[in-house]
Amino acid sequence: MTNRILRSRAVVAFLASFAATNLSTASRSAPSPTPIDQPKWNVKTTVGPDADTGGWFLNLGRTGIRAKILPEFPTEFLVTYVFPDSPAAGVIRSGDRIVGAGGRPFETPHVFGYGVGKFGYDGPMRDLATAMERAEAKLGRLSLAIVREDRPLDVEVEIGFNYGAYAPGFPNDCDKTDRILRETIPWIAERQRTDGLWSDRPHLNAFAMLALLANDRPVDRDAIERAARAMAADTDDSIEYQGLDCWKHTLYGICLAEYHLATKAPWALDELREIDRWLRAAQMENGGWGHRPANRPGGNGYGAINILTMQAKIAWALMRECGVEIDEDRFRRAHDFVVRGTGDNGYVWYADGGRDNPGYADMGRTGAAALAHAQTPDEPA
C-alpha cells in the first residue's frame, strides 16, 4: 500500500489519540443548561470506563484518578473517583484534595471562563502532567501532596516507567510515542463494528479509519477497506435537509480520497464523484457549508461555518489529486469563505466574519484551515 498520509509520526499520533479518546467516551447524556464557561461535572457517559465515575471529570492520566477543580480552590484537585484496579487505588480516596505533585505545591491557579486569557492548561493540570512525566522518566513513582479530612499527607502512586519520557523531537524519533501507538492502533482496530464503522458519529469513524490508514499495518488492511466500503455506502448525491450530512460527506470524502491515493482502488473514484456532486449541490451562495444543506426554496437552515467549509476544501483538494475533476470556481469560493473569517493573527473564527478581530478562541477550525491550505500550497491563503 503506497501510503501518502504517513508523512510523520505526528500525523499517526494525533489521529490515533483523537480516535481512541473519543471512541472511549462517544455517548454522553444531554448536558445540563449551564453557561459555556461552567464545567459540566454532572454530565454522564454511558460507554467506556468513565460510565462508572458518576460524572464528566478531569482524567488524571495513568493514576486512575478522576477529579475536578473548583473556582473557590483553583490550585488543587478535588478527587471524585478512583478506579479500583488503578495505581492510585488504596492510596487516594474520593474526597481527597491533591495540592501538589513531585515534591512541589501547586501554586499557579487554574483560570476559569472562556475567552482570550482564559484558555490553556496552566495551573494544577500542567503542574501534575509535568510531575507525572518526570516520574515516568525515572522510577515511576509519583509523589502527591494531599489533604484528607483536613490532615495533610504525602503519598506515593506507582504509575510505572514503561513509557519513559517524551523525546525532545516528540512525536518524531520518540520511543514513548511509538509504544503508545503500538498499543493504541490495535485497540482502535479491535473496536471496529461488523458494519465497518466505529460509531454513529462521522468524525469518529473518519479519525479511526485515517489512523489505521496512516499507520499502515498489513493486518489492518481488510479493516480499512471495510471502513471505506461502509463510508461509500453511507453517502450519495441526494440532498436531505435533516441531520448532520455536511459532516458525513466532507469527512467521508476525505477518507475515500486518502484511501484511493493509498490503494489506487478504482471503485473509490465513482464514490468520490458522487460526493463531489453532493458538495456542489449543498454549497451555499457565500461559498460555505453548514451542518446540513440549507438551500431549499423558502426554507432557512444553519448558516455556513468554517470547520465544515475547510473539510470540504480538503476533500475537494484530495479528489483533485485522485484525478476527479472538481469545480475550480466553487473550490475558490470555499477558500474565500474562510479568508473572510481569518484574522491577521491567523486565527480562524466560527464563520466568515472576524477578519478584523485580533483575538482567538478554541483552535479546531484553525487546524482544519491549516490542513486545507496545506493541500494547495501554491495558491494564496
Foldseek 3Di string as FASTA:
>chain_A
DAAPVLPALVLLLVLLVVLLVCLQQVAKDDFDPDDPQDDRQQIAGDGHPRNPQRGDFDDLPQQQWGFHADPVHQQWTQTRDHDCPGQCHPPDDHRKIWQAKPPDGWDWGQATDFWPPRDDDPHPRVRSVVQQQVLLQPAQKMWTWIADPNRIDITIGRSHNPLHHFDPPPPGPGSSSVVVLVPRLVVLLVQQDPQLARDPFQVSRLSNLVSCSNVDDVVCPVSNVSSLVSLLVVDFQDADADDQVLSSLLSSLLSLLSVCVRPVPVVSLVSNVRSLNNCVVQQDPQLFHDSGRAPDPPGGDDDGWQQSLLSNLSSVLSSVVSVDDHDVVSSVSSVQFQCQQADPVQAGDTTNHDNPPPIHGDGNSSVSNVSSCVSPVVDDD
